[in-house]
Protein backbone atom coordinates (compact mmCIF):
# COMPACT_ATOMS: atom_id res chain seq x y z
CA MET A 1 4.50 7.73 8.99
CA THR A 2 1.75 7.31 6.28
CA LYS A 3 4.07 9.06 3.69
CA VAL A 4 6.71 6.70 4.46
CA ILE A 5 4.56 3.57 3.93
CA ILE A 6 3.13 5.11 0.78
CA ASP A 7 6.63 5.75 -0.67
CA ALA A 8 7.77 2.11 0.37
CA ALA A 9 4.61 0.67 -1.23
CA LYS A 10 5.31 2.72 -4.59
CA ALA A 11 8.83 1.20 -4.53
CA LEU A 12 7.25 -2.29 -4.22
CA ASP A 13 4.57 -1.44 -6.89
CA ILE A 14 1.68 -1.61 -4.38
CA ILE A 15 -1.08 0.88 -4.43
CA VAL A 16 -2.03 2.46 -1.15
CA HIS A 17 -5.48 4.01 -0.92
CA ASN A 18 -6.51 5.43 2.44
CA GLN A 19 -6.41 2.42 4.84
CA ILE A 20 -6.55 -0.23 2.02
CA ILE A 21 -3.47 -1.82 0.33
CA ILE A 22 -3.92 -3.30 -2.94
CA GLY A 23 -1.09 -5.57 -4.10
CA LYS A 24 0.18 -6.00 -7.63
CA ASN A 25 -1.34 -9.42 -7.72
CA GLY A 26 -4.73 -8.17 -6.57
CA ASN A 27 -4.46 -9.05 -2.85
CA VAL A 28 -6.08 -6.60 -0.59
CA GLY A 29 -5.15 -5.86 3.05
CA LEU A 30 -6.04 -3.30 5.66
CA LYS A 31 -3.45 -1.24 7.42
CA GLY A 32 -3.74 -1.23 11.18
């Protein structure tokens, strides 16, 4: 499942690092 999330994030130009998601505009969120 994590690989699917990472692949989807790459398609949306979002960096996924462990449990932290860093958006293109600098927003940061935590994966649940």
